[in-house]
Amino acid sequence: MIIVLAKAIPKDEEACEKIVEFAQDLIENSRKEDGNVDYNLYANTGDGTLLFVEQWESKEILGAHLQTDHFLKFGENIAGLVDGDLIIDVFNAEPTDL
């Protein structure tokens, strides 16, 4: 399983609200993609940053997601709303027994 953590730093509170609004379409459509396990957006109440937490069945499926219309449209919509690029970390996770 592939896990993605993508951190967005909004320019201000209004930008944060717009990013969350634009993210609704991204989240809804991403969850419908074959190979998506989970897709969520969390807000840090302390510093106002946003964190996408995604789970995908494989690296190849994640790659296909990055080419979808809803992903590309989201990137275009938030370009002027974030302070710098998204900070993205991708992990290869294997299930384990506790």
N, C-alpha and C. Protein backbone atom coordinates (compact mmCIF):
# COMPACT_ATOMS: atom_id res chain seq x y z
N MET A 1 0.84 -1.17 0.00
CA MET A 1 0.00 0.00 0.00
C MET A 1 0.89 1.24 0.00
N ILE A 2 0.46 2.25 -0.72
CA ILE A 2 1.16 3.53 -0.78
C ILE A 2 0.39 4.54 0.05
N ILE A 3 1.11 5.27 0.89
CA ILE A 3 0.52 6.32 1.71
C ILE A 3 1.13 7.66 1.29
N VAL A 4 0.28 8.64 1.08
CA VAL A 4 0.72 9.98 0.70
C VAL A 4 0.29 10.96 1.78
N LEU A 5 1.24 11.80 2.20
CA LEU A 5 0.95 12.92 3.10
C LEU A 5 1.32 14.18 2.33
N ALA A 6 0.33 15.01 2.04
CA ALA A 6 0.56 16.23 1.28
C ALA A 6 0.12 17.43 2.12
N LYS A 7 1.08 18.25 2.52
CA LYS A 7 0.81 19.39 3.39
C LYS A 7 0.72 20.67 2.56
N ALA A 8 -0.38 21.40 2.76
CA ALA A 8 -0.60 22.68 2.09
C ALA A 8 -0.57 23.79 3.15
N ILE A 9 0.14 24.86 2.84
CA ILE A 9 0.20 26.01 3.74
C ILE A 9 -0.55 27.16 3.07
N PRO A 10 -1.79 27.39 3.50
CA PRO A 10 -2.57 28.47 2.90
C PRO A 10 -1.97 29.85 3.21
N LYS A 11 -2.15 30.79 2.28
CA LYS A 11 -1.62 32.15 2.47
C LYS A 11 -2.30 32.87 3.63
N ASP A 12 -3.59 32.60 3.82
CA ASP A 12 -4.34 33.23 4.90
C ASP A 12 -5.61 32.42 5.16
N GLU A 13 -6.43 32.89 6.09
CA GLU A 13 -7.64 32.14 6.46
C GLU A 13 -8.62 32.03 5.31
N GLU A 14 -8.76 33.09 4.54
CA GLU A 14 -9.67 33.05 3.39
C GLU A 14 -9.19 32.04 2.36
N ALA A 15 -7.88 32.00 2.12
CA ALA A 15 -7.31 31.03 1.19
C ALA A 15 -7.54 29.61 1.69
N CYS A 16 -7.42 29.42 3.00
CA CYS A 16 -7.66 28.11 3.59
C CYS A 16 -9.08 27.64 3.31
N GLU A 17 -10.03 28.51 3.49
CA GLU A 17 -11.43 28.16 3.24
C GLU A 17 -11.66 27.79 1.78
N LYS A 18 -11.03 28.52 0.87
CA LYS A 18 -11.18 28.23 -0.56
C LYS A 18 -10.54 26.90 -0.92
N ILE A 19 -9.38 26.61 -0.34
CA ILE A 19 -8.72 25.34 -0.61
C ILE A 19 -9.61 24.18 -0.16
N VAL A 20 -10.18 24.30 1.04
CA VAL A 20 -11.07 23.26 1.55
C VAL A 20 -12.27 23.10 0.62
N GLU A 21 -12.79 24.20 0.13
CA GLU A 21 -13.93 24.15 -0.79
C GLU A 21 -13.54 23.43 -2.09
N PHE A 22 -12.41 23.80 -2.68
CA PHE A 22 -11.94 23.14 -3.91
C PHE A 22 -11.64 21.66 -3.66
N ALA A 23 -11.19 21.34 -2.47
CA ALA A 23 -10.81 19.96 -2.15
C ALA A 23 -12.00 19.01 -2.13
N GLN A 24 -13.20 19.52 -1.93
CA GLN A 24 -14.37 18.63 -1.86
C GLN A 24 -14.53 17.82 -3.13
N ASP A 25 -14.38 18.47 -4.28
CA ASP A 25 -14.50 17.76 -5.56
C ASP A 25 -13.35 16.77 -5.73
N LEU A 26 -12.14 17.19 -5.37
CA LEU A 26 -10.98 16.31 -5.46
C LEU A 26 -11.17 15.06 -4.61
N ILE A 27 -11.58 15.23 -3.38
CA ILE A 27 -11.76 14.11 -2.46
C ILE A 27 -12.85 13.17 -2.97
N GLU A 28 -13.98 13.73 -3.34
CA GLU A 28 -15.10 12.91 -3.80
C GLU A 28 -14.72 12.07 -5.02
N ASN A 29 -14.07 12.69 -5.99
CA ASN A 29 -13.71 11.96 -7.21
C ASN A 29 -12.54 11.00 -6.99
N SER A 30 -11.61 11.37 -6.13
CA SER A 30 -10.47 10.49 -5.85
C SER A 30 -10.93 9.22 -5.15
N ARG A 31 -11.88 9.33 -4.27
CA ARG A 31 -12.39 8.15 -3.56
C ARG A 31 -13.08 7.17 -4.51
N LYS A 32 -13.53 7.64 -5.65
CA LYS A 32 -14.20 6.79 -6.64
C LYS A 32 -13.21 6.07 -7.56
N GLU A 33 -11.95 6.48 -7.54
CA GLU A 33 -10.96 5.88 -8.42
C GLU A 33 -10.66 4.44 -8.02
N ASP A 34 -10.49 3.58 -9.02
CA ASP A 34 -10.05 2.22 -8.75
C ASP A 34 -8.68 2.28 -8.09
N GLY A 35 -8.52 1.53 -7.01
CA GLY A 35 -7.23 1.48 -6.33
C GLY A 35 -7.07 2.49 -5.21
N ASN A 36 -8.07 3.35 -5.01
CA ASN A 36 -8.01 4.25 -3.87
C ASN A 36 -8.55 3.53 -2.64
N VAL A 37 -7.80 3.56 -1.56
CA VAL A 37 -8.22 2.94 -0.32
C VAL A 37 -8.86 3.97 0.59
N ASP A 38 -8.27 5.16 0.66
CA ASP A 38 -8.80 6.23 1.52
C ASP A 38 -8.23 7.56 1.07
N TYR A 39 -8.98 8.64 1.29
CA TYR A 39 -8.56 9.98 0.86
C TYR A 39 -9.23 10.99 1.77
N ASN A 40 -8.46 11.69 2.58
CA ASN A 40 -9.02 12.64 3.54
C ASN A 40 -8.20 13.92 3.60
N LEU A 41 -8.82 14.95 4.13
CA LEU A 41 -8.17 16.24 4.35
C LEU A 41 -8.37 16.62 5.80
N TYR A 42 -7.27 16.98 6.47
CA TYR A 42 -7.31 17.37 7.87
C TYR A 42 -6.75 18.78 8.02
N ALA A 43 -7.31 19.53 8.97
CA ALA A 43 -6.83 20.88 9.25
C ALA A 43 -6.15 20.91 10.61
N ASN A 44 -4.98 21.54 10.66
CA ASN A 44 -4.27 21.74 11.91
C ASN A 44 -4.81 23.02 12.54
N THR A 45 -5.50 22.91 13.64
CA THR A 45 -6.11 24.08 14.27
C THR A 45 -5.07 25.00 14.90
N GLY A 46 -3.86 24.51 15.09
CA GLY A 46 -2.82 25.33 15.69
C GLY A 46 -2.19 26.31 14.72
N ASP A 47 -1.85 25.82 13.51
CA ASP A 47 -1.15 26.70 12.57
C ASP A 47 -1.89 26.91 11.25
N GLY A 48 -3.06 26.32 11.10
CA GLY A 48 -3.88 26.55 9.90
C GLY A 48 -3.42 25.78 8.67
N THR A 49 -2.46 24.88 8.81
CA THR A 49 -2.05 24.09 7.65
C THR A 49 -3.07 22.99 7.38
N LEU A 50 -3.04 22.50 6.16
CA LEU A 50 -3.94 21.43 5.73
C LEU A 50 -3.11 20.22 5.35
N LEU A 51 -3.62 19.03 5.67
CA LEU A 51 -2.88 17.81 5.37
C LEU A 51 -3.80 16.80 4.68
N PHE A 52 -3.45 16.47 3.44
CA PHE A 52 -4.12 15.39 2.73
C PHE A 52 -3.46 14.08 3.15
N VAL A 53 -4.28 13.10 3.51
CA VAL A 53 -3.79 11.76 3.84
C VAL A 53 -4.47 10.80 2.89
N GLU A 54 -3.65 10.17 2.05
CA GLU A 54 -4.18 9.31 1.01
C GLU A 54 -3.60 7.90 1.13
N GLN A 55 -4.40 6.91 0.73
CA GLN A 55 -3.92 5.53 0.67
C GLN A 55 -4.30 4.97 -0.69
N TRP A 56 -3.30 4.38 -1.35
CA TRP A 56 -3.48 3.81 -2.69
C TRP A 56 -2.96 2.38 -2.71
N GLU A 57 -3.52 1.56 -3.57
CA GLU A 57 -3.11 0.16 -3.65
C GLU A 57 -1.70 -0.01 -4.21
N SER A 58 -1.27 0.89 -5.10
CA SER A 58 0.06 0.75 -5.69
C SER A 58 0.59 2.10 -6.17
N LYS A 59 1.88 2.12 -6.42
CA LYS A 59 2.54 3.31 -6.95
C LYS A 59 2.00 3.66 -8.34
N GLU A 60 1.71 2.63 -9.14
CA GLU A 60 1.20 2.85 -10.49
C GLU A 60 -0.18 3.50 -10.46
N ILE A 61 -1.00 3.06 -9.52
CA ILE A 61 -2.35 3.64 -9.39
C ILE A 61 -2.24 5.09 -8.94
N LEU A 62 -1.33 5.36 -8.01
CA LEU A 62 -1.11 6.75 -7.59
C LEU A 62 -0.67 7.59 -8.79
N GLY A 63 0.22 7.05 -9.60
CA GLY A 63 0.67 7.78 -10.79
C GLY A 63 -0.47 8.13 -11.73
N ALA A 64 -1.41 7.20 -11.89
CA ALA A 64 -2.58 7.46 -12.74
C ALA A 64 -3.45 8.56 -12.12
N HIS A 65 -3.58 8.54 -10.80
CA HIS A 65 -4.35 9.57 -10.09
C HIS A 65 -3.80 10.96 -10.37
N LEU A 66 -2.49 11.07 -10.42
CA LEU A 66 -1.85 12.37 -10.62
C LEU A 66 -2.12 12.95 -12.00
N GLN A 67 -2.68 12.15 -12.91
CA GLN A 67 -3.00 12.61 -14.26
C GLN A 67 -4.49 12.84 -14.48
N THR A 68 -5.31 12.62 -13.45
CA THR A 68 -6.76 12.77 -13.61
C THR A 68 -7.15 14.24 -13.73
N ASP A 69 -8.27 14.48 -14.38
CA ASP A 69 -8.76 15.85 -14.55
C ASP A 69 -9.02 16.52 -13.20
N HIS A 70 -9.62 15.79 -12.25
CA HIS A 70 -9.95 16.42 -10.97
C HIS A 70 -8.70 16.76 -10.17
N PHE A 71 -7.63 15.98 -10.28
CA PHE A 71 -6.39 16.30 -9.58
C PHE A 71 -5.73 17.53 -10.22
N LEU A 72 -5.65 17.54 -11.54
CA LEU A 72 -5.03 18.67 -12.24
C LEU A 72 -5.81 19.96 -12.03
N LYS A 73 -7.14 19.87 -12.05
CA LYS A 73 -7.98 21.04 -11.83
C LYS A 73 -7.77 21.60 -10.42
N PHE A 74 -7.66 20.72 -9.43
CA PHE A 74 -7.43 21.16 -8.06
C PHE A 74 -6.12 21.94 -7.97
N GLY A 75 -5.08 21.42 -8.59
CA GLY A 75 -3.79 22.11 -8.59
C GLY A 75 -3.87 23.49 -9.20
N GLU A 76 -4.59 23.62 -10.29
CA GLU A 76 -4.78 24.93 -10.92
C GLU A 76 -5.56 25.87 -10.01
N ASN A 77 -6.60 25.35 -9.37
CA ASN A 77 -7.46 26.18 -8.53
C ASN A 77 -6.75 26.74 -7.30
N ILE A 78 -5.80 25.99 -6.75
CA ILE A 78 -5.17 26.44 -5.50
C ILE A 78 -3.82 27.14 -5.72
N ALA A 79 -3.39 27.25 -6.97
CA ALA A 79 -2.05 27.78 -7.26
C ALA A 79 -1.77 29.11 -6.56
N GLY A 80 -2.70 30.01 -6.53
CA GLY A 80 -2.48 31.31 -5.91
C GLY A 80 -2.88 31.38 -4.44
N LEU A 81 -3.32 30.26 -3.89
CA LEU A 81 -3.83 30.26 -2.52
C LEU A 81 -2.85 29.70 -1.49
N VAL A 82 -1.79 29.04 -1.97
CA VAL A 82 -0.85 28.40 -1.06
C VAL A 82 0.47 29.18 -1.01
N ASP A 83 1.10 29.06 0.14
CA ASP A 83 2.39 29.69 0.35
C ASP A 83 3.48 28.68 -0.03
N GLY A 84 3.90 28.70 -1.28
CA GLY A 84 4.89 27.74 -1.77
C GLY A 84 4.24 26.48 -2.30
N ASP A 85 5.07 25.51 -2.62
CA ASP A 85 4.60 24.23 -3.14
C ASP A 85 4.06 23.36 -2.01
N LEU A 86 3.21 22.39 -2.37
CA LEU A 86 2.79 21.40 -1.39
C LEU A 86 4.01 20.60 -0.95
N ILE A 87 4.02 20.23 0.31
CA ILE A 87 5.09 19.39 0.85
C ILE A 87 4.55 17.97 0.82
N ILE A 88 5.12 17.14 -0.05
CA ILE A 88 4.55 15.81 -0.29
C ILE A 88 5.55 14.73 0.10
N ASP A 89 5.07 13.80 0.92
CA ASP A 89 5.85 12.62 1.30
C ASP A 89 5.05 11.40 0.88
N VAL A 90 5.74 10.44 0.25
CA VAL A 90 5.12 9.21 -0.22
C VAL A 90 5.82 8.03 0.46
N PHE A 91 5.01 7.13 1.01
CA PHE A 91 5.55 5.99 1.76
C PHE A 91 5.01 4.69 1.20
N ASN A 92 5.85 3.67 1.22
CA ASN A 92 5.44 2.33 0.88
C ASN A 92 5.20 1.61 2.20
N ALA A 93 3.96 1.28 2.50
CA ALA A 93 3.59 0.67 3.79
C ALA A 93 3.21 -0.78 3.61
N GLU A 94 3.67 -1.59 4.50
CA GLU A 94 3.32 -3.01 4.53
C GLU A 94 2.58 -3.31 5.83
N PRO A 95 1.49 -4.08 5.76
CA PRO A 95 0.78 -4.45 6.99
C PRO A 95 1.69 -5.26 7.91
N THR A 96 1.47 -5.12 9.19
CA THR A 96 2.26 -5.86 10.16
C THR A 96 1.38 -6.29 11.33
N ASP A 97 1.74 -7.36 11.97
CA ASP A 97 1.02 -7.79 13.17
C ASP A 97 1.56 -7.03 14.36
N LEU A 98 0.69 -6.73 15.29
CA LEU A 98 1.12 -6.04 16.52
C LEU A 98 1.63 -7.01 17.53
